[in-house]
């Protein structure tokens, strides 16, 4: 088992924790803006913190027991755990109180801000420098995350100013592509489908396993939810005239009837 220096541990774990904390704060702020009240907003933020913190702890325990190791005779638990985490997060966005928070004004900007902490993706470059990750994986994963982390605050600021919808769409598309490339290359190199030196065995060990099993699904869920929020915000609201026309009865729409002739 590879044990990186303490500062690499701190950077690798600090990023996912910061992204999770920023997500909880975004949900709390969205719930307040949605009119749920301070108490319900605090409960929502706390519930999100317990859920994410619990999964981060559980996946760290699983990785510590070696169940995420990429061995030919072992079930690929790491991708299974990541897929299950992503599915759970997306399903939770359908919960009514969460859906209301996500539909709050300004939520598109809040969903982008957690990605600012992806600058901690520099840990991939440190693993490369120490010779414990192949360049074919570490370079696109590390540089891609750093670029996303730098762009996130700028995109969030433009969204807050009401001018950044197009930039946000491109940012989310880039972020999803970056994560998809990292997942694909990581799977190919760690499970021996693409032979490189050094191998990507460190992906299935702490602290990198925490990033793959818990942090990456959260980032994907944030991107998808952000795109859905942007799509809903772009739908034009029905005008007052259209509402009156659609609500008029056929008799009213046909206009007044001519007066009858007196006999």
Protein backbone atom coordinates (compact mmCIF):
# COMPACT_ATOMS: atom_id res chain seq x y z
CA UNK A 1 0.00 0.00 0.00
CA UNK A 2 1.38 3.39 -1.01
CA UNK A 3 1.45 5.95 1.77
CA UNK A 4 2.00 9.46 0.36
CA UNK A 5 3.48 12.33 2.37
CA UNK A 6 1.21 14.05 4.86
CA UNK A 7 0.77 17.17 2.74
CA UNK A 8 -0.37 15.06 -0.22
CA UNK A 9 -2.89 13.36 2.05
CA UNK A 10 -4.11 16.77 3.19
CA UNK A 11 -4.53 18.10 -0.36
CA UNK A 12 -6.16 14.91 -1.65
CA UNK A 13 -8.70 14.67 1.19
CA UNK A 14 -9.16 18.41 1.64
CA UNK A 15 -10.58 18.90 -1.85
CA UNK A 16 -13.45 16.38 -1.53
CA UNK A 17 -14.30 17.61 1.96
CA UNK A 18 -14.42 21.23 0.76
CA UNK A 19 -16.60 20.32 -2.23
CA UNK A 20 -19.02 18.42 0.01
CA UNK A 21 -19.17 21.32 2.51
CA UNK A 22 -19.78 23.86 -0.26
CA UNK A 23 -22.59 21.66 -1.60
CA UNK A 24 -24.27 21.57 1.82
CA UNK A 25 -24.01 25.35 2.09
CA UNK A 26 -25.49 25.73 -1.41
CA UNK A 27 -28.47 23.56 -0.43
CA UNK A 28 -28.97 25.56 2.76
CA UNK A 29 -28.86 28.89 0.89
CA UNK A 30 -31.21 27.58 -1.79
CA UNK A 31 -33.70 26.38 0.80
CA UNK A 32 -33.68 29.81 2.47
CA UNK A 33 -34.22 31.56 -0.87
CA UNK A 34 -37.01 29.12 -1.69
CA UNK A 35 -38.91 30.26 1.40
CA UNK A 36 -38.53 27.07 3.42
CA UNK A 37 -37.45 28.98 6.51
CA UNK A 38 -34.23 28.95 8.49
CA UNK A 39 -35.08 25.83 10.48
CA UNK A 40 -35.98 23.61 7.50
CA UNK A 41 -33.03 24.99 5.54
CA UNK A 42 -30.68 24.12 8.40
CA UNK A 43 -32.15 20.62 8.63
CA UNK A 44 -31.63 20.13 4.89
CA UNK A 45 -28.02 21.30 5.07
CA UNK A 46 -27.37 19.11 8.11
CA UNK A 47 -28.97 16.07 6.45
CA UNK A 48 -26.78 16.57 3.39
CA UNK A 49 -23.70 16.85 5.60
CA UNK A 50 -24.58 13.64 7.45
CA UNK A 51 -25.24 11.77 4.18
CA UNK A 52 -22.06 12.91 2.45
CA UNK A 53 -19.93 12.61 5.57
CA UNK A 54 -21.28 9.13 6.24
CA UNK A 55 -20.49 7.95 2.73
CA UNK A 56 -17.02 9.51 2.81
CA UNK A 57 -16.32 7.69 6.06
CA UNK A 58 -17.75 4.39 4.81
CA UNK A 59 -15.79 4.49 1.56
CA UNK A 60 -12.60 5.26 3.49
CA UNK A 61 -13.18 2.17 5.66
CA UNK A 62 -13.89 0.05 2.56
CA UNK A 63 -10.72 1.27 0.87
CA UNK A 64 -8.74 0.68 4.05
CA UNK A 65 -9.74 -2.99 3.95
CA UNK A 66 -8.48 -3.28 0.37
CA UNK A 67 -11.87 -3.96 -1.21
CA UNK A 68 -11.28 -1.30 -3.89
CA UNK A 69 -8.02 -2.86 -5.08
CA UNK A 70 -8.03 -3.62 -8.80
CA UNK A 71 -7.16 -7.33 -8.86
CA UNK A 72 -8.18 -9.67 -11.68
CA UNK A 73 -9.91 -12.11 -9.32
CA UNK A 74 -11.79 -9.43 -7.36
CA UNK A 75 -15.17 -7.85 -8.02
CA UNK A 76 -14.64 -4.25 -9.28
CA UNK A 77 -16.14 -2.64 -6.19
CA UNK A 78 -14.72 0.82 -6.87
CA UNK A 79 -16.71 1.55 -10.08
CA UNK A 80 -19.75 -0.15 -8.53
CA UNK A 81 -19.52 2.11 -5.48
CA UNK A 82 -19.05 5.21 -7.63
CA UNK A 83 -22.04 4.35 -9.84
CA UNK A 84 -24.21 3.63 -6.81
CA UNK A 85 -23.21 6.92 -5.21
CA UNK A 86 -24.06 8.88 -8.37
CA UNK A 87 -27.43 7.16 -8.75
CA UNK A 88 -28.31 7.88 -5.13
CA UNK A 89 -27.37 11.56 -5.41
CA UNK A 90 -29.42 12.05 -8.57
CA UNK A 91 -32.41 10.24 -7.03
CA UNK A 92 -32.25 12.53 -3.98
CA UNK A 93 -32.71 15.59 -6.19
CA UNK A 94 -36.29 14.36 -6.73
CA UNK A 95 -37.11 14.65 -3.02
CA UNK A 96 -39.60 17.56 -2.78
CA UNK A 97 -37.67 19.67 -0.26
CA UNK A 98 -34.43 19.20 -2.21
CA UNK A 99 -36.18 19.98 -5.50
CA UNK A 100 -37.54 23.23 -4.03
CA UNK A 101 -34.09 24.27 -2.86
CA UNK A 102 -32.59 23.48 -6.27
CA UNK A 103 -35.30 25.58 -7.98
CA UNK A 104 -34.55 28.66 -5.85
CA UNK A 105 -33.38 31.89 -7.52
CA UNK A 106 -29.62 32.02 -8.02
CA UNK A 107 -29.16 28.28 -7.54
CA UNK A 108 -27.33 27.88 -10.86
CA UNK A 109 -24.50 30.02 -9.51
CA UNK A 110 -24.39 28.13 -6.19
CA UNK A 111 -24.10 24.78 -7.94
CA UNK A 112 -21.00 25.95 -9.82
CA UNK A 113 -19.09 27.31 -6.83
CA UNK A 114 -18.19 23.93 -5.22
CA UNK A 115 -16.12 23.11 -8.31
CA UNK A 116 -13.69 25.88 -7.34
CA UNK A 117 -12.06 23.39 -4.95
CA UNK A 118 -11.11 21.16 -7.87
CA UNK A 119 -7.86 23.12 -7.98
CA UNK A 120 -6.72 20.58 -5.40
CA UNK A 121 -6.47 18.22 -8.38
CA UNK A 122 -2.81 19.17 -8.24
CA UNK A 123 -2.45 16.02 -6.12
CA UNK A 124 -2.56 13.99 -9.36
CA UNK A 125 0.53 15.80 -10.56
CA UNK A 126 2.22 15.13 -7.22
CA UNK A 127 1.47 11.43 -7.53
CA UNK A 128 2.96 11.58 -11.03
CA UNK A 129 6.08 13.32 -9.73
CA UNK A 130 6.51 10.61 -7.08
CA UNK A 131 6.16 7.90 -9.75
CA UNK A 132 2.93 6.39 -8.43
CA UNK A 133 0.54 7.32 -11.26
CA UNK A 134 1.08 7.07 -15.03
CA UNK A 135 1.28 10.30 -17.00
CA UNK A 136 -1.50 9.17 -19.34
CA UNK A 137 -3.90 9.38 -16.40
CA UNK A 138 -2.38 11.95 -14.04
CA UNK A 139 -1.83 14.74 -16.58
CA UNK A 140 -5.37 15.00 -18.02
CA UNK A 141 -6.96 14.35 -14.62
CA UNK A 142 -4.83 16.87 -12.74
CA UNK A 143 -4.68 19.64 -15.34
CA UNK A 144 -8.37 19.23 -16.18
CA UNK A 145 -9.41 19.60 -12.54
CA UNK A 146 -7.16 22.61 -12.01
CA UNK A 147 -8.65 24.33 -15.07
CA UNK A 148 -12.19 23.62 -13.83
CA UNK A 149 -11.33 24.95 -10.38
CA UNK A 150 -9.97 28.20 -11.81
CA UNK A 151 -12.95 28.71 -14.11
CA UNK A 152 -15.66 27.92 -11.54
CA UNK A 153 -15.60 31.22 -9.57
CA UNK A 154 -15.56 33.23 -12.80
CA UNK A 155 -18.56 31.36 -14.20
CA UNK A 156 -20.41 31.63 -10.88
CA UNK A 157 -19.80 35.39 -10.79
CA UNK A 158 -21.20 35.85 -14.30
CA UNK A 159 -24.24 33.77 -13.42
CA UNK A 160 -24.82 35.90 -10.32
CA UNK A 161 -24.71 38.97 -12.59
CA UNK A 162 -27.27 37.38 -14.92
CA UNK A 163 -24.98 37.18 -17.95
CA UNK A 164 -23.26 33.80 -17.75
CA UNK A 165 -25.79 31.18 -18.85
CA UNK A 166 -23.89 30.25 -22.03
CA UNK A 167 -20.59 30.13 -20.18
CA UNK A 168 -22.17 27.94 -17.50
CA UNK A 169 -23.43 25.45 -20.08
CA UNK A 170 -19.96 25.20 -21.60
CA UNK A 171 -18.38 24.92 -18.17
CA UNK A 172 -20.62 22.02 -17.18
CA UNK A 173 -20.05 20.30 -20.52
CA UNK A 174 -16.30 20.67 -20.05
CA UNK A 175 -16.46 19.44 -16.46
CA UNK A 176 -18.40 16.33 -17.39
CA UNK A 177 -16.03 15.61 -20.28
CA UNK A 178 -13.00 16.04 -18.02
CA UNK A 179 -14.42 13.62 -15.46
CA UNK A 180 -15.45 11.12 -18.14
CA UNK A 181 -11.94 11.13 -19.62
CA UNK A 182 -10.39 10.62 -16.18
CA UNK A 183 -12.77 7.77 -15.31
CA UNK A 184 -12.17 6.03 -18.64
CA UNK A 185 -8.38 6.26 -18.54
CA UNK A 186 -8.32 5.34 -14.86
CA UNK A 187 -10.41 2.22 -15.49
CA UNK A 188 -8.33 1.15 -18.49
CA UNK A 189 -5.01 1.54 -16.67
CA UNK A 190 -6.00 0.23 -13.23
CA UNK A 191 -7.74 -2.93 -14.51
CA UNK A 192 -4.95 -3.86 -16.93
CA UNK A 193 -6.83 -3.10 -20.15
CA UNK A 194 -4.17 -0.52 -20.99
CA UNK A 195 -0.68 -1.49 -19.87
CA UNK A 196 1.39 1.45 -18.64
CA UNK A 197 4.23 2.01 -16.22
CA UNK A 198 3.73 2.79 -13.43
CA UNK A 199 0.29 1.27 -12.99
CA UNK A 200 -2.75 3.04 -11.56
CA UNK A 201 -3.01 0.71 -8.57
CA UNK A 202 -2.94 3.72 -6.24
CA UNK A 203 -6.45 4.67 -7.45
CA UNK A 204 -7.95 1.86 -5.39
CA UNK A 205 -6.06 2.84 -2.23
CA UNK A 206 -6.45 5.68 0.23
CA UNK A 207 -6.56 8.57 -0.20
CA UNK A 208 -7.26 8.41 -3.96
CA UNK A 209 -10.09 5.89 -3.54
CA UNK A 210 -12.03 8.52 -1.60
CA UNK A 211 -11.86 10.84 -4.61
CA UNK A 212 -13.03 8.20 -7.08
CA UNK A 213 -15.81 6.61 -5.01
CA UNK A 214 -17.26 9.70 -3.33
CA UNK A 215 -15.99 12.96 -4.77
CA UNK A 216 -16.25 12.24 -8.50
CA UNK A 217 -19.93 11.13 -8.27
CA UNK A 218 -20.75 14.31 -6.34
CA UNK A 219 -19.09 16.49 -8.97
CA UNK A 220 -20.94 14.69 -11.77
CA UNK A 221 -24.23 15.13 -9.91
CA UNK A 222 -23.49 18.85 -9.47
CA UNK A 223 -22.82 19.24 -13.19
CA UNK A 224 -25.99 17.39 -14.21
CA UNK A 225 -28.15 19.26 -11.69
CA UNK A 226 -26.66 22.56 -12.83
CA UNK A 227 -27.50 21.82 -16.46
CA UNK A 228 -31.08 20.90 -15.49
CA UNK A 229 -31.39 24.13 -13.50
CA UNK A 230 -30.10 26.17 -16.43
CA UNK A 231 -32.51 24.45 -18.82
CA UNK A 232 -35.47 25.22 -16.57
CA UNK A 233 -34.42 28.83 -16.17
CA UNK A 234 -34.25 29.29 -19.95
CA UNK A 235 -37.89 28.35 -20.49
CA UNK A 236 -39.91 31.49 -21.18
CA UNK A 237 -42.61 32.25 -18.65
CA UNK A 238 -46.13 32.48 -20.08
CA UNK A 239 -47.23 36.06 -20.69
CA UNK A 240 -50.33 37.57 -19.14
CA UNK A 241 -52.00 37.84 -22.53
CA UNK A 242 -51.33 34.17 -23.27
CA UNK A 243 -52.77 33.19 -19.90
CA UNK A 244 -55.94 35.20 -20.58
CA UNK A 245 -56.36 33.71 -24.03
CA UNK A 246 -55.79 30.14 -22.84
CA UNK A 247 -58.21 30.66 -19.97
CA UNK A 248 -60.99 32.20 -22.04
CA UNK A 249 -64.06 30.12 -22.83
CA UNK A 250 -64.96 29.46 -26.46
CA UNK A 251 -68.01 31.68 -26.06
CA UNK A 252 -65.96 34.54 -24.67
CA UNK A 253 -63.29 34.11 -27.32
CA UNK A 254 -65.90 34.34 -30.06
CA UNK A 255 -66.79 37.85 -28.93
CA UNK A 256 -70.09 39.42 -27.86
CA UNK A 257 -73.29 38.20 -29.50
CA UNK A 258 -75.20 40.70 -31.63
CA UNK A 259 -78.34 42.10 -29.97
CA UNK A 260 -81.59 40.43 -31.01
CA UNK A 261 -84.17 42.39 -33.02
CA UNK A 262 -87.24 43.60 -31.16
CA UNK A 263 -90.51 42.29 -32.51
